[in-house]
Amino acid sequence: MLLKPGVENQEFPFIFEGIDKVLHLSIFMLLGFCFMATFPKIKFIHYIQIMLIYSILTEILQDEMGFGRSLEALDLVADTIGVIIGYFAFMQLKRINF
């Protein structure tokens, strides 16, 4: 989904300017949560490094593939916030359930 060609579609009422940032945050929050569920003992610093490298690589690929997507710093910010939320959501759920 992150590398899908960019198409502006304004025919749905829930589409608004900046929805791509919300989608980036949501995708990386889910990705981060699933990553932590798979590797629950990973150190936070390693988790952040892996997730940020993945985020940067997807942004570079978006820019290089030429499908109407571009490298945007705000996408990286949204991705970073998403992985941090995913991490803390997993840790909170783990603390409650175990």
N, C-alpha and C. Protein backbone atom coordinates (compact mmCIF):
# COMPACT_ATOMS: atom_id res chain seq x y z
N MET A 1 0.82 -1.18 0.00
CA MET A 1 0.00 0.00 0.00
C MET A 1 0.87 1.26 0.00
N LEU A 2 2.00 1.20 0.69
CA LEU A 2 2.88 2.37 0.75
C LEU A 2 3.51 2.68 -0.59
N LEU A 3 3.65 1.68 -1.43
CA LEU A 3 4.30 1.88 -2.73
C LEU A 3 3.30 1.92 -3.88
N LYS A 4 2.02 1.88 -3.55
CA LYS A 4 0.97 1.94 -4.56
C LYS A 4 0.99 3.29 -5.26
N PRO A 5 0.69 3.31 -6.56
CA PRO A 5 0.68 4.60 -7.27
C PRO A 5 -0.26 5.60 -6.61
N GLY A 6 0.18 6.83 -6.52
CA GLY A 6 -0.61 7.88 -5.88
C GLY A 6 -1.71 8.37 -6.80
N VAL A 7 -2.94 8.28 -6.32
CA VAL A 7 -4.09 8.76 -7.08
C VAL A 7 -4.93 9.60 -6.14
N GLU A 8 -5.20 10.82 -6.54
CA GLU A 8 -6.06 11.67 -5.73
C GLU A 8 -7.50 11.29 -6.02
N ASN A 9 -8.23 10.90 -5.00
CA ASN A 9 -9.62 10.51 -5.15
C ASN A 9 -10.43 11.31 -4.14
N GLN A 10 -11.21 12.23 -4.64
CA GLN A 10 -11.98 13.11 -3.75
C GLN A 10 -13.46 12.79 -3.75
N GLU A 11 -13.87 11.63 -4.29
CA GLU A 11 -15.28 11.34 -4.40
C GLU A 11 -15.88 10.75 -3.12
N PHE A 12 -15.08 10.40 -2.16
CA PHE A 12 -15.59 9.86 -0.90
C PHE A 12 -15.61 10.96 0.15
N PRO A 13 -16.63 11.00 1.00
CA PRO A 13 -16.73 12.08 1.99
C PRO A 13 -15.66 12.04 3.07
N PHE A 14 -15.04 10.89 3.30
CA PHE A 14 -14.03 10.79 4.35
C PHE A 14 -12.63 11.17 3.86
N ILE A 15 -12.48 11.46 2.57
CA ILE A 15 -11.19 11.88 2.03
C ILE A 15 -10.98 13.35 2.34
N PHE A 16 -9.88 13.67 2.96
CA PHE A 16 -9.56 15.05 3.29
C PHE A 16 -8.08 15.28 3.07
N GLU A 17 -7.70 16.53 3.01
CA GLU A 17 -6.29 16.85 2.82
C GLU A 17 -5.50 16.36 4.03
N GLY A 18 -4.48 15.61 3.80
CA GLY A 18 -3.68 15.07 4.89
C GLY A 18 -4.05 13.66 5.29
N ILE A 19 -5.01 13.06 4.60
CA ILE A 19 -5.40 11.69 4.95
C ILE A 19 -4.24 10.72 4.74
N ASP A 20 -3.34 11.06 3.81
CA ASP A 20 -2.19 10.18 3.59
C ASP A 20 -1.30 10.11 4.83
N LYS A 21 -1.23 11.20 5.59
CA LYS A 21 -0.44 11.18 6.83
C LYS A 21 -1.11 10.28 7.87
N VAL A 22 -2.44 10.35 7.93
CA VAL A 22 -3.19 9.48 8.85
C VAL A 22 -2.99 8.02 8.46
N LEU A 23 -2.99 7.75 7.17
CA LEU A 23 -2.77 6.38 6.70
C LEU A 23 -1.35 5.91 7.01
N HIS A 24 -0.37 6.77 6.80
CA HIS A 24 1.01 6.41 7.14
C HIS A 24 1.11 6.09 8.63
N LEU A 25 0.56 6.94 9.47
CA LEU A 25 0.60 6.72 10.92
C LEU A 25 -0.07 5.40 11.26
N SER A 26 -1.24 5.15 10.70
CA SER A 26 -1.99 3.93 11.01
C SER A 26 -1.26 2.67 10.55
N ILE A 27 -0.72 2.72 9.33
CA ILE A 27 -0.01 1.55 8.80
C ILE A 27 1.22 1.24 9.65
N PHE A 28 1.97 2.27 10.01
CA PHE A 28 3.19 2.02 10.79
C PHE A 28 2.88 1.70 12.25
N MET A 29 1.75 2.16 12.76
CA MET A 29 1.34 1.77 14.10
C MET A 29 1.03 0.27 14.11
N LEU A 30 0.29 -0.19 13.13
CA LEU A 30 -0.03 -1.62 13.03
C LEU A 30 1.23 -2.44 12.77
N LEU A 31 2.08 -1.96 11.88
CA LEU A 31 3.34 -2.64 11.60
C LEU A 31 4.20 -2.75 12.86
N GLY A 32 4.32 -1.65 13.60
CA GLY A 32 5.10 -1.65 14.83
C GLY A 32 4.53 -2.59 15.88
N PHE A 33 3.20 -2.59 16.01
CA PHE A 33 2.55 -3.48 16.97
C PHE A 33 2.81 -4.94 16.60
N CYS A 34 2.64 -5.27 15.33
CA CYS A 34 2.87 -6.65 14.87
C CYS A 34 4.33 -7.05 15.01
N PHE A 35 5.24 -6.12 14.74
CA PHE A 35 6.66 -6.40 14.89
C PHE A 35 6.97 -6.73 16.35
N MET A 36 6.41 -5.95 17.27
CA MET A 36 6.64 -6.19 18.70
C MET A 36 6.00 -7.51 19.14
N ALA A 37 4.85 -7.85 18.57
CA ALA A 37 4.21 -9.12 18.91
C ALA A 37 5.07 -10.30 18.43
N THR A 38 5.78 -10.10 17.33
CA THR A 38 6.65 -11.14 16.79
C THR A 38 7.97 -11.23 17.54
N PHE A 39 8.52 -10.08 17.91
CA PHE A 39 9.81 -10.01 18.60
C PHE A 39 9.65 -9.23 19.91
N PRO A 40 8.95 -9.80 20.90
CA PRO A 40 8.63 -9.04 22.11
C PRO A 40 9.83 -8.69 22.99
N LYS A 41 10.94 -9.35 22.82
CA LYS A 41 12.10 -9.08 23.68
C LYS A 41 13.11 -8.14 23.05
N ILE A 42 12.81 -7.60 21.88
CA ILE A 42 13.75 -6.70 21.21
C ILE A 42 13.88 -5.40 22.01
N LYS A 43 15.07 -4.87 22.05
CA LYS A 43 15.30 -3.61 22.75
C LYS A 43 14.69 -2.46 21.95
N PHE A 44 14.24 -1.45 22.67
CA PHE A 44 13.57 -0.32 22.03
C PHE A 44 14.46 0.34 20.98
N ILE A 45 15.73 0.51 21.27
CA ILE A 45 16.63 1.19 20.33
C ILE A 45 16.75 0.40 19.03
N HIS A 46 16.80 -0.93 19.12
CA HIS A 46 16.87 -1.76 17.91
C HIS A 46 15.56 -1.72 17.14
N TYR A 47 14.46 -1.74 17.88
CA TYR A 47 13.14 -1.64 17.26
C TYR A 47 13.01 -0.34 16.47
N ILE A 48 13.36 0.77 17.09
CA ILE A 48 13.27 2.08 16.43
C ILE A 48 14.18 2.12 15.20
N GLN A 49 15.38 1.62 15.33
CA GLN A 49 16.30 1.63 14.20
C GLN A 49 15.75 0.84 13.01
N ILE A 50 15.24 -0.33 13.26
CA ILE A 50 14.69 -1.17 12.19
C ILE A 50 13.49 -0.49 11.55
N MET A 51 12.59 0.01 12.36
CA MET A 51 11.38 0.65 11.84
C MET A 51 11.69 1.92 11.06
N LEU A 52 12.63 2.72 11.56
CA LEU A 52 12.98 3.96 10.86
C LEU A 52 13.71 3.67 9.55
N ILE A 53 14.56 2.67 9.53
CA ILE A 53 15.22 2.29 8.28
C ILE A 53 14.17 1.84 7.26
N TYR A 54 13.22 1.05 7.70
CA TYR A 54 12.14 0.61 6.81
C TYR A 54 11.34 1.80 6.30
N SER A 55 11.03 2.72 7.18
CA SER A 55 10.29 3.92 6.81
C SER A 55 11.04 4.75 5.77
N ILE A 56 12.31 4.96 6.01
CA ILE A 56 13.13 5.74 5.08
C ILE A 56 13.23 5.03 3.73
N LEU A 57 13.42 3.72 3.75
CA LEU A 57 13.51 2.97 2.49
C LEU A 57 12.21 3.04 1.69
N THR A 58 11.06 2.94 2.37
CA THR A 58 9.80 3.03 1.64
C THR A 58 9.60 4.41 1.04
N GLU A 59 10.02 5.44 1.76
CA GLU A 59 9.92 6.80 1.21
C GLU A 59 10.83 6.99 0.00
N ILE A 60 12.03 6.46 0.07
CA ILE A 60 12.95 6.55 -1.07
C ILE A 60 12.37 5.80 -2.27
N LEU A 61 11.84 4.60 -2.02
CA LEU A 61 11.24 3.82 -3.11
C LEU A 61 10.04 4.53 -3.71
N GLN A 62 9.22 5.17 -2.88
CA GLN A 62 8.09 5.93 -3.40
C GLN A 62 8.57 7.00 -4.37
N ASP A 63 9.63 7.67 -4.02
CA ASP A 63 10.16 8.75 -4.84
C ASP A 63 10.78 8.22 -6.13
N GLU A 64 11.48 7.11 -6.03
CA GLU A 64 12.23 6.58 -7.17
C GLU A 64 11.38 5.80 -8.17
N MET A 65 10.26 5.25 -7.73
CA MET A 65 9.47 4.40 -8.62
C MET A 65 8.72 5.19 -9.69
N GLY A 66 8.49 6.46 -9.48
CA GLY A 66 7.84 7.29 -10.48
C GLY A 66 6.37 7.01 -10.70
N PHE A 67 5.66 6.61 -9.67
CA PHE A 67 4.23 6.34 -9.78
C PHE A 67 3.38 7.47 -9.21
N GLY A 68 3.93 8.66 -9.15
CA GLY A 68 3.16 9.78 -8.62
C GLY A 68 3.30 9.95 -7.12
N ARG A 69 4.14 9.18 -6.49
CA ARG A 69 4.41 9.31 -5.06
C ARG A 69 5.73 10.01 -4.90
N SER A 70 5.90 10.70 -3.80
CA SER A 70 7.15 11.42 -3.59
C SER A 70 7.64 11.24 -2.16
N LEU A 71 8.89 11.52 -1.95
CA LEU A 71 9.50 11.47 -0.63
C LEU A 71 9.08 12.73 0.12
N GLU A 72 8.43 12.55 1.26
CA GLU A 72 7.98 13.69 2.06
C GLU A 72 8.44 13.51 3.50
N ALA A 73 8.99 14.57 4.04
CA ALA A 73 9.47 14.54 5.43
C ALA A 73 8.31 14.30 6.40
N LEU A 74 7.14 14.86 6.11
CA LEU A 74 6.00 14.66 7.01
C LEU A 74 5.52 13.21 7.03
N ASP A 75 5.73 12.49 5.94
CA ASP A 75 5.42 11.06 5.95
C ASP A 75 6.35 10.33 6.92
N LEU A 76 7.61 10.71 6.93
CA LEU A 76 8.56 10.11 7.88
C LEU A 76 8.17 10.43 9.32
N VAL A 77 7.70 11.64 9.55
CA VAL A 77 7.24 12.02 10.90
C VAL A 77 6.04 11.17 11.28
N ALA A 78 5.07 11.03 10.37
CA ALA A 78 3.89 10.21 10.65
C ALA A 78 4.28 8.75 10.89
N ASP A 79 5.21 8.24 10.09
CA ASP A 79 5.68 6.86 10.28
C ASP A 79 6.32 6.69 11.65
N THR A 80 7.14 7.64 12.04
CA THR A 80 7.83 7.58 13.34
C THR A 80 6.83 7.61 14.49
N ILE A 81 5.87 8.51 14.41
CA ILE A 81 4.84 8.58 15.46
C ILE A 81 4.07 7.27 15.50
N GLY A 82 3.76 6.72 14.33
CA GLY A 82 3.04 5.45 14.27
C GLY A 82 3.79 4.30 14.93
N VAL A 83 5.09 4.18 14.66
CA VAL A 83 5.84 3.07 15.27
C VAL A 83 5.99 3.26 16.77
N ILE A 84 6.08 4.49 17.22
CA ILE A 84 6.16 4.74 18.67
C ILE A 84 4.84 4.39 19.34
N ILE A 85 3.72 4.79 18.73
CA ILE A 85 2.41 4.43 19.28
C ILE A 85 2.24 2.91 19.27
N GLY A 86 2.63 2.26 18.18
CA GLY A 86 2.53 0.80 18.10
C GLY A 86 3.33 0.11 19.18
N TYR A 87 4.53 0.62 19.44
CA TYR A 87 5.39 0.05 20.49
C TYR A 87 4.72 0.18 21.86
N PHE A 88 4.28 1.39 22.19
CA PHE A 88 3.71 1.60 23.52
C PHE A 88 2.34 0.93 23.67
N ALA A 89 1.59 0.80 22.58
CA ALA A 89 0.32 0.07 22.64
C ALA A 89 0.58 -1.40 22.95
N PHE A 90 1.59 -1.97 22.30
CA PHE A 90 1.94 -3.37 22.57
C PHE A 90 2.41 -3.53 24.01
N MET A 91 3.28 -2.65 24.46
CA MET A 91 3.80 -2.75 25.83
C MET A 91 2.68 -2.61 26.86
N GLN A 92 1.74 -1.72 26.60
CA GLN A 92 0.61 -1.53 27.52
C GLN A 92 -0.26 -2.78 27.53
N LEU A 93 -0.55 -3.33 26.37
CA LEU A 93 -1.36 -4.54 26.29
C LEU A 93 -0.64 -5.72 26.94
N LYS A 94 0.64 -5.81 26.73
CA LYS A 94 1.44 -6.87 27.35
C LYS A 94 1.43 -6.75 28.87
N ARG A 95 1.52 -5.53 29.37
CA ARG A 95 1.52 -5.30 30.81
C ARG A 95 0.17 -5.67 31.43
N ILE A 96 -0.90 -5.38 30.71
CA ILE A 96 -2.24 -5.67 31.22
C ILE A 96 -2.53 -7.17 31.19
N ASN A 97 -2.11 -7.84 30.13
CA ASN A 97 -2.46 -9.25 29.95
C ASN A 97 -1.49 -10.24 30.57
N PHE A 98 -0.27 -9.84 30.86
CA PHE A 98 0.71 -10.81 31.36
C PHE A 98 1.25 -10.43 32.69
